Amino acid sequence: MTAPPVLLEPSHRGRLRSLSAALGGVLVAIVIVMALLSFVWTPYDPTFVNANSTLEGIGSHGHLLGTDAYGRDTFSQLLVGARVTLLAGIIAVGISAIVGVPMGMLAAMRSRWLSETLMRGNDIILAFPALLLAILLAAGFGASTWTAMVAIGISTVPIFARLARASSMQVMTTEYVLAARAAGRGGWWIARRHVLPNIASVLVVQASVAFGLAILAEAALAYLGLSTQPPTPSWGRMLHDGQGYLFSAPRLSIWPGVAIGIAVLGFNLLGDGLRDLLDPRLRERRR
């Protein structure tokens, strides 16, 4: 006979979630510290090409993580790449939230035909992945970090719009919203006073998860040459440059891969922790 599955007590599950949230916060803090440090200090100029120091090993000649095929310091590139990564996430999530949240709230609070029109428009945007949008924008405006961020932001708009619409519809059925409407309060007053504060926690969690996805998407676009262009360091670009040395110098791909993994894992764990912290229903289950 097989042993029955071990079920964790609610208190134990709560501690595991708290530990995951703390770990996510530490990983995110590491990425933020790397980005901030790059503004004031890097061991070497990350764009300086030194033909006499190509493919040096870890710790050789003062290079903490070695050098790449052009003699550029790998650790300096990782520091500056963290800055580009966080900027990409901030802009992409900002675009998707600024456009998607008001759209979803409007769809929930206005007439049915307007709601259906906005949601079908979201379905059309959802049919275009970030890669296709990045290719279109790169063809029209040139490949750059900004075109990649805009493409990622636009492709994430439907996610925020759908979440905001579903959450707003739940809030609109509450008694205090019905009382506000009976008192003659306008739609924008209700949205600002009741709807947005009550859906903010859900949106914060989604923003954290979307941040990790935006980092992964930017790295993929940079790997394909559709985002950050050389000589500006980027983790995705470092992966692309290191793929030709997987057997002779695998560290050129390992370090940026580990950095991307840390950033994405950190924001995902932080998002799960924020969900447990901000959702009152989950808090009640742990008691």
Protein backbone atom coordinates (compact mmCIF):
# COMPACT_ATOMS: atom_id res chain seq x y z
CA MET A 1 0.00 0.00 0.00
CA THR A 2 1.18 3.48 -0.81
CA ALA A 3 1.50 5.96 1.99
CA PRO A 4 -1.07 8.77 2.03
CA PRO A 5 0.19 12.18 0.90
CA VAL A 6 1.50 14.43 3.66
CA LEU A 7 -0.65 17.53 4.00
CA LEU A 8 0.94 20.64 5.43
CA GLU A 9 -0.85 22.56 8.12
CA PRO A 10 -2.03 26.07 7.15
CA SER A 11 0.60 27.59 9.45
CA HIS A 12 3.33 25.59 7.73
CA ARG A 13 2.08 26.64 4.30
CA GLY A 14 2.06 30.24 5.49
CA ARG A 15 5.67 29.97 6.62
CA LEU A 16 6.70 28.45 3.29
CA ARG A 17 4.98 31.29 1.43
CA SER A 18 6.66 33.85 3.66
CA LEU A 19 10.01 32.19 3.04
CA SER A 20 9.39 32.24 -0.72
CA ALA A 21 8.44 35.91 -0.59
CA ALA A 22 11.55 36.72 1.44
CA LEU A 23 13.73 34.81 -1.02
CA GLY A 24 12.08 36.62 -3.92
CA GLY A 25 12.70 39.97 -2.25
CA VAL A 26 16.38 39.11 -1.73
CA LEU A 27 16.82 38.09 -5.38
CA VAL A 28 15.09 41.25 -6.61
CA ALA A 29 17.21 43.34 -4.25
CA ILE A 30 20.37 41.78 -5.72
CA VAL A 31 19.34 42.82 -9.23
CA ILE A 32 18.43 46.33 -8.07
CA VAL A 33 21.74 46.74 -6.24
CA MET A 34 23.62 45.62 -9.36
CA ALA A 35 21.77 48.18 -11.47
CA LEU A 36 22.31 51.01 -8.99
CA LEU A 37 25.97 50.11 -8.53
CA SER A 38 26.55 50.31 -12.28
CA PHE A 39 25.68 54.03 -12.22
CA VAL A 40 28.56 54.86 -9.88
CA TRP A 41 31.11 52.06 -10.32
CA THR A 42 32.16 49.23 -12.60
CA PRO A 43 35.54 47.44 -12.40
CA TYR A 44 36.22 48.23 -16.06
CA ASP A 45 34.57 50.07 -18.91
CA PRO A 46 32.01 47.47 -20.10
CA THR A 47 32.34 48.63 -23.72
CA PHE A 48 36.17 48.76 -23.83
CA VAL A 49 37.61 46.25 -26.29
CA ASN A 50 41.01 44.84 -25.34
CA ALA A 51 42.47 42.47 -27.91
CA ASN A 52 45.21 41.43 -25.47
CA SER A 53 42.75 40.11 -22.86
CA THR A 54 40.31 37.98 -24.84
CA LEU A 55 38.62 34.95 -23.23
CA GLU A 56 40.49 35.26 -19.96
CA GLY A 57 39.40 32.96 -17.15
CA ILE A 58 37.71 33.78 -13.86
CA GLY A 59 39.88 35.99 -11.67
CA SER A 60 42.69 36.41 -14.20
CA HIS A 61 44.35 39.83 -14.37
CA GLY A 62 41.79 41.39 -12.05
CA HIS A 63 38.73 40.29 -14.06
CA LEU A 64 36.39 38.78 -11.47
CA LEU A 65 34.34 36.74 -13.96
CA GLY A 66 36.79 36.79 -16.84
CA THR A 67 36.47 38.48 -20.23
CA ASP A 68 34.60 37.77 -23.44
CA ALA A 69 35.86 37.24 -26.98
CA TYR A 70 36.50 40.98 -27.33
CA GLY A 71 38.34 41.38 -24.05
CA ARG A 72 35.45 43.13 -22.31
CA ASP A 73 35.02 42.54 -18.58
CA THR A 74 32.12 40.15 -17.97
CA PHE A 75 31.27 41.39 -14.48
CA SER A 76 31.06 45.01 -15.67
CA GLN A 77 28.74 43.93 -18.47
CA LEU A 78 26.50 42.09 -16.00
CA LEU A 79 26.23 45.19 -13.82
CA VAL A 80 25.24 47.47 -16.70
CA GLY A 81 22.99 44.75 -18.12
CA ALA A 82 21.01 44.77 -14.87
CA ARG A 83 20.28 48.44 -15.47
CA VAL A 84 18.94 47.74 -18.96
CA THR A 85 16.91 44.79 -17.69
CA LEU A 86 15.17 46.77 -14.94
CA LEU A 87 14.50 49.69 -17.28
CA ALA A 88 12.90 47.33 -19.78
CA GLY A 89 10.66 45.85 -17.10
CA ILE A 90 9.63 49.23 -15.69
CA ILE A 91 8.71 50.72 -19.06
CA ALA A 92 6.99 47.59 -20.37
CA VAL A 93 4.89 47.05 -17.23
CA GLY A 94 4.18 50.78 -17.03
CA ILE A 95 2.80 50.85 -20.57
CA SER A 96 0.65 47.76 -20.07
CA ALA A 97 -0.73 48.98 -16.71
CA ILE A 98 -1.38 52.57 -17.77
CA VAL A 99 -3.28 51.43 -20.86
CA GLY A 100 -4.79 48.16 -19.69
CA VAL A 101 -6.11 49.07 -16.23
CA PRO A 102 -8.28 52.06 -17.29
CA MET A 103 -9.47 50.04 -20.27
CA GLY A 104 -10.56 47.14 -18.07
CA MET A 105 -12.25 49.42 -15.53
CA LEU A 106 -14.08 51.24 -18.32
CA ALA A 107 -15.25 47.94 -19.80
CA ALA A 108 -16.61 46.87 -16.40
CA MET A 109 -18.40 50.13 -15.58
CA ARG A 110 -19.89 51.15 -18.90
CA SER A 111 -22.46 49.71 -21.29
CA ARG A 112 -22.29 46.17 -22.59
CA TRP A 113 -21.55 47.16 -26.19
CA LEU A 114 -18.56 49.26 -25.12
CA SER A 115 -17.31 46.43 -22.93
CA GLU A 116 -17.56 43.94 -25.78
CA THR A 117 -15.85 46.34 -28.17
CA LEU A 118 -12.92 46.90 -25.83
CA MET A 119 -12.53 43.21 -25.03
CA ARG A 120 -12.61 42.20 -28.69
CA GLY A 121 -9.94 44.80 -29.33
CA ASN A 122 -7.92 43.19 -26.55
CA ASP A 123 -8.34 39.82 -28.25
CA ILE A 124 -6.87 41.27 -31.43
CA ILE A 125 -3.85 42.64 -29.55
CA LEU A 126 -3.46 39.30 -27.78
CA ALA A 127 -3.16 37.59 -31.16
CA PHE A 128 0.06 39.51 -31.86
CA PRO A 129 2.93 38.17 -29.70
CA ALA A 130 5.69 40.44 -28.47
CA LEU A 131 8.14 38.98 -30.99
CA LEU A 132 5.94 39.88 -33.95
CA LEU A 133 5.30 43.40 -32.61
CA ALA A 134 9.04 43.84 -32.01
CA ILE A 135 9.77 42.83 -35.60
CA LEU A 136 7.17 45.31 -36.91
CA LEU A 137 8.48 48.14 -34.73
CA ALA A 138 12.09 47.31 -35.57
CA ALA A 139 11.26 47.44 -39.27
CA GLY A 140 9.64 50.85 -38.89
CA PHE A 141 11.77 52.53 -36.23
CA GLY A 142 14.89 50.38 -35.95
CA ALA A 143 15.81 47.76 -33.37
CA SER A 144 16.47 49.27 -29.96
CA THR A 145 15.71 48.85 -26.28
CA TRP A 146 12.77 51.24 -26.54
CA THR A 147 11.09 49.43 -29.45
CA ALA A 148 11.40 46.16 -27.52
CA MET A 149 9.92 47.71 -24.38
CA VAL A 150 7.00 49.17 -26.30
CA ALA A 151 6.36 45.84 -28.02
CA ILE A 152 6.40 43.95 -24.71
CA GLY A 153 4.19 46.58 -23.07
CA ILE A 154 1.58 46.50 -25.84
CA SER A 155 1.47 42.70 -25.87
CA THR A 156 0.82 42.66 -22.09
CA VAL A 157 -2.03 45.21 -22.18
CA PRO A 158 -4.78 42.55 -22.62
CA ILE A 159 -3.66 40.74 -19.46
CA PHE A 160 -4.04 43.85 -17.31
CA ALA A 161 -7.28 44.82 -19.06
CA ARG A 162 -8.91 41.44 -18.45
CA LEU A 163 -7.78 41.32 -14.84
CA ALA A 164 -8.95 44.88 -14.16
CA ARG A 165 -12.31 44.19 -15.81
CA ALA A 166 -12.97 40.99 -13.85
CA SER A 167 -11.93 42.56 -10.54
CA SER A 168 -13.89 45.75 -11.20
CA MET A 169 -17.05 43.81 -11.99
CA GLN A 170 -16.83 42.14 -8.57
CA VAL A 171 -16.40 45.49 -6.84
CA MET A 172 -19.32 47.02 -8.76
CA THR A 173 -21.70 44.48 -7.19
CA THR A 174 -20.82 45.44 -3.62
CA GLU A 175 -23.25 47.31 -1.40
CA TYR A 176 -21.10 50.41 -0.92
CA VAL A 177 -20.83 50.91 -4.67
CA LEU A 178 -24.59 50.49 -5.05
CA ALA A 179 -25.07 53.02 -2.26
CA ALA A 180 -22.72 55.47 -3.97
CA ARG A 181 -24.64 55.13 -7.25
CA ALA A 182 -27.92 55.63 -5.42
CA ALA A 183 -26.48 58.80 -3.91
CA GLY A 184 -25.85 60.16 -7.39
CA ARG A 185 -22.08 59.72 -7.49
CA GLY A 186 -20.58 59.69 -10.96
CA GLY A 187 -18.73 56.83 -12.54
CA TRP A 188 -15.30 58.42 -12.33
CA TRP A 189 -15.82 59.23 -8.64
CA ILE A 190 -16.77 55.62 -7.94
CA ALA A 191 -13.81 54.36 -9.94
CA ARG A 192 -11.36 56.59 -8.09
CA ARG A 193 -12.85 56.17 -4.62
CA HIS A 194 -14.00 52.54 -4.58
CA VAL A 195 -12.97 50.47 -7.59
CA LEU A 196 -9.29 51.29 -8.01
CA PRO A 197 -8.36 51.01 -4.28
CA ASN A 198 -10.05 47.61 -4.06
CA ILE A 199 -8.38 46.13 -7.14
CA ALA A 200 -4.96 47.68 -6.48
CA SER A 201 -3.65 44.63 -4.60
CA VAL A 202 -4.48 42.31 -7.49
CA LEU A 203 -2.84 44.67 -9.95
CA VAL A 204 0.33 44.92 -7.84
CA VAL A 205 0.68 41.13 -7.84
CA GLN A 206 0.13 41.00 -11.61
CA ALA A 207 2.67 43.77 -12.12
CA SER A 208 5.31 41.80 -10.22
CA VAL A 209 4.69 38.67 -12.29
CA ALA A 210 4.55 40.70 -15.51
CA PHE A 211 7.87 42.30 -14.58
CA GLY A 212 9.55 38.90 -14.59
CA LEU A 213 7.94 38.01 -17.91
CA ALA A 214 9.05 41.34 -19.38
CA ILE A 215 12.65 40.67 -18.32
CA LEU A 216 12.52 37.26 -19.99
CA ALA A 217 10.95 38.70 -23.14
CA GLU A 218 13.52 41.51 -23.37
CA ALA A 219 16.36 39.01 -23.02
CA ALA A 220 14.87 36.89 -25.80
CA LEU A 221 14.46 39.90 -28.09
CA ALA A 222 18.01 41.06 -27.34
CA TYR A 223 19.26 37.56 -28.14
CA LEU A 224 17.55 37.82 -31.53
CA GLY A 225 18.99 41.28 -32.15
CA LEU A 226 15.63 43.08 -31.83
CA SER A 227 16.33 44.92 -28.58
CA THR A 228 19.44 46.50 -27.05
CA GLN A 229 22.10 47.02 -29.68
CA PRO A 230 25.87 46.82 -29.15
CA PRO A 231 27.98 48.20 -27.64
CA THR A 232 25.42 48.66 -24.81
CA PRO A 233 25.63 45.53 -22.61
CA SER A 234 22.51 43.39 -22.27
CA TRP A 235 22.05 39.98 -20.70
CA GLY A 236 20.26 38.64 -23.77
CA ARG A 237 22.96 40.04 -26.04
CA MET A 238 25.63 38.42 -23.85
CA LEU A 239 23.91 35.07 -24.35
CA HIS A 240 23.98 35.63 -28.11
CA ASP A 241 27.67 36.55 -28.11
CA GLY A 242 28.58 33.58 -25.93
CA GLN A 243 26.78 30.89 -27.92
CA GLY A 244 29.80 30.38 -30.17
CA TYR A 245 31.95 29.50 -27.17
CA LEU A 246 29.72 26.99 -25.39
CA PHE A 247 32.46 24.36 -25.33
CA SER A 248 35.59 26.49 -25.09
CA ALA A 249 34.26 29.15 -22.66
CA PRO A 250 30.79 28.14 -21.38
CA ARG A 251 30.93 30.77 -18.63
CA LEU A 252 30.14 33.44 -21.26
CA SER A 253 26.63 31.96 -21.48
CA ILE A 254 26.33 30.70 -17.91
CA TRP A 255 26.73 34.08 -16.17
CA PRO A 256 24.05 36.00 -18.12
CA GLY A 257 21.78 32.94 -17.99
CA VAL A 258 22.11 32.79 -14.21
CA ALA A 259 21.45 36.55 -13.98
CA ILE A 260 18.27 36.26 -16.06
CA GLY A 261 17.12 33.27 -14.00
CA ILE A 262 17.71 35.12 -10.72
CA ALA A 263 15.75 38.16 -11.89
CA VAL A 264 12.77 36.20 -13.25
CA LEU A 265 12.63 33.84 -10.26
CA GLY A 266 12.89 36.75 -7.85
CA PHE A 267 9.97 38.67 -9.31
CA ASN A 268 7.82 35.52 -9.58
CA LEU A 269 8.44 34.58 -5.94
CA LEU A 270 7.84 38.17 -4.89
CA GLY A 271 4.56 38.20 -6.80
CA ASP A 272 3.41 35.02 -5.04
CA GLY A 273 4.35 36.51 -1.69
CA LEU A 274 2.50 39.73 -2.39
CA ARG A 275 -0.58 37.76 -3.40
CA ASP A 276 -0.58 35.90 -0.09
CA LEU A 277 0.05 39.13 1.81
CA LEU A 278 -2.55 41.29 0.08
CA ASP A 279 -5.36 38.76 -0.49
CA PRO A 280 -7.52 38.60 2.67
CA ARG A 281 -9.06 35.28 1.65
CA LEU A 282 -5.67 33.58 1.64
CA ARG A 283 -4.86 35.11 5.01
CA GLU A 284 -8.07 33.66 6.45
CA ARG A 285 -7.20 30.18 5.15
CA ARG A 286 -3.87 30.23 6.96
CA ARG A 287 -5.50 30.90 10.33
